[in-house]
Amino acid sequence: MAYTRYKNTYKVADALAINQSTVVRKIRKYQLFPSPGKRRRGEAKF
């Protein structure tokens, strides 16, 4: 998989000639990696 080779969605997008947002969407859609979850506004990062 391209993500394991390039380690970041921007480099994957460049290699595949697609938008970075598309890479992120596909990773989430096919659950290729666990999502870190979204923090709500004002929520602390621990």
Protein backbone atom coordinates (compact mmCIF):
# COMPACT_ATOMS: atom_id res chain seq x y z
CA MET A 1 0.00 0.00 0.00
CA ALA A 2 1.24 3.47 -0.86
CA TYR A 3 0.68 4.88 2.63
CA THR A 4 3.08 2.43 4.25
CA ARG A 5 5.71 3.40 1.70
CA TYR A 6 5.30 7.18 1.75
CA LYS A 7 4.19 7.61 5.39
CA ASN A 8 2.12 10.72 4.73
CA THR A 9 -1.02 11.48 2.77
CA TYR A 10 0.51 14.41 0.88
CA LYS A 11 3.27 12.23 -0.57
CA VAL A 12 0.79 9.46 -1.39
CA ALA A 13 -1.43 11.94 -3.23
CA ASP A 14 1.53 13.24 -5.19
CA ALA A 15 2.63 9.72 -6.16
CA LEU A 16 -0.89 8.75 -7.25
CA ALA A 17 -1.62 12.13 -8.88
CA ILE A 18 -4.79 12.65 -6.84
CA ASN A 19 -5.89 15.17 -4.20
CA GLN A 20 -4.71 14.68 -0.63
CA SER A 21 -8.30 14.92 0.58
CA THR A 22 -9.18 11.97 -1.65
CA VAL A 23 -6.43 9.90 -0.04
CA VAL A 24 -7.76 10.73 3.43
CA ARG A 25 -11.34 9.94 2.38
CA LYS A 26 -10.36 6.55 0.95
CA ILE A 27 -8.33 5.64 4.03
CA ARG A 28 -11.32 6.45 6.23
CA LYS A 29 -13.87 4.81 3.90
CA TYR A 30 -12.02 1.51 3.73
CA GLN A 31 -10.82 1.74 7.34
CA LEU A 32 -7.23 1.12 6.30
CA PHE A 33 -5.93 2.67 9.50
CA PRO A 34 -7.72 3.48 12.73
CA SER A 35 -8.80 7.10 12.71
CA PRO A 36 -7.42 9.21 15.53
CA GLY A 37 -10.87 10.68 16.13
CA LYS A 38 -11.87 14.29 16.01
CA ARG A 39 -11.51 16.62 18.92
CA ARG A 40 -14.22 19.11 19.57
CA ARG A 41 -13.45 22.79 19.62
CA GLY A 42 -11.73 23.73 22.86
CA GLU A 43 -11.09 20.12 23.82
CA ALA A 44 -7.63 19.46 25.22
CA LYS A 45 -5.15 17.24 23.43
CA PHE A 46 -3.77 14.56 25.76
